[in-house]
Amino acid sequence: MRRLAFGISIAVVVLCAATLVSYVILDNLYGKSYTTTSTRTIIIENLGQQVQIENTKFDVIAAKYFASENNYRLDLSLAPGYENRVLSAGLSYYEGGGVSLGSVDVNGAAYVEALETGNPVTVSNTTTTDTKPINTLPIAASIGIAISLITFGVWVGYQHTWGDATSTLLEHGLQDMTVRDVEIFGEMIEMKEFTIPELMGRTRASKLRVWRIVQKLVQRGIVKSTEKTKPAAGGLGGRGKPSRVYHYVGKQKTE
């Protein structure tokens, strides 16, 4: 029970740490809001009855004045001859003749000037868009949960191997083995076949300690010495005598 509680504690710590780190990274990359602006040129023509946006003409079907902003909001539809034009003016398109395609806001003084003089008046319409940041906390929490579950699974597997190693040693009367010896034996169970240098590399234990444990286990029949060998330095061109391969037998007791 204590080991299970300890494993759960480790998973919780990993969950919190992984979530925090993921949140900081993701929030820095994707969590910041930003503003984009776009400017388009609008030409008010024909006494305010038409406007041209880029290369497309529209009829003004309604104009509403907003005194607080000194703007006119113009509801538009495509002018005759432009019905089949592919719009690039940023207006919504709806099927059906004479139906409003959208609206634009123009400066009130400019629109009045076009009404009074009949001359084309050019204005610039700037649109500002605020992009909301992505909520990265749920994503970070998902990453944290995944990493903590993996950690807990690895820990459970390690505890299972540790338990097998301890029970096997006890069955063979090796109660005098230290915790470090059990750890080294657990690596033997995981590897199934191994050499002394391989165990040294996996456990960071000295050659003498690993050799003594292996020989003791060979005497008890837990580990078997085979006729196979492996080149020195894992076959990577190193010099030295080939290492004998040992095989983990299992829990069978010797008579």
Foldseek 3Di string as FASTA:
>chain_A
DVLLVVLVVQLVVLLVVQLVVQCVVCCVVFQDKDKDKDKWKWKQAQLNQWIDTDHFIWGFPDWDADVVQQKIKTFTDGDPPCNPPDDPRPWACDDDPPDTRHIAIDHNVQSVCCNPPRDIGMDMGMDMDMDGTDPCSVVSSVSSNVVSVVSSVVSVVLVVLLVQLVVLCVLLVNPVDDPLLSVLVSVQVVVQKDFLVRSCVVSVDDSVVSVVSQVVCCVFVQKPWDPDWAQPPRPPPDDDDTTTMMGGDGSDGDD
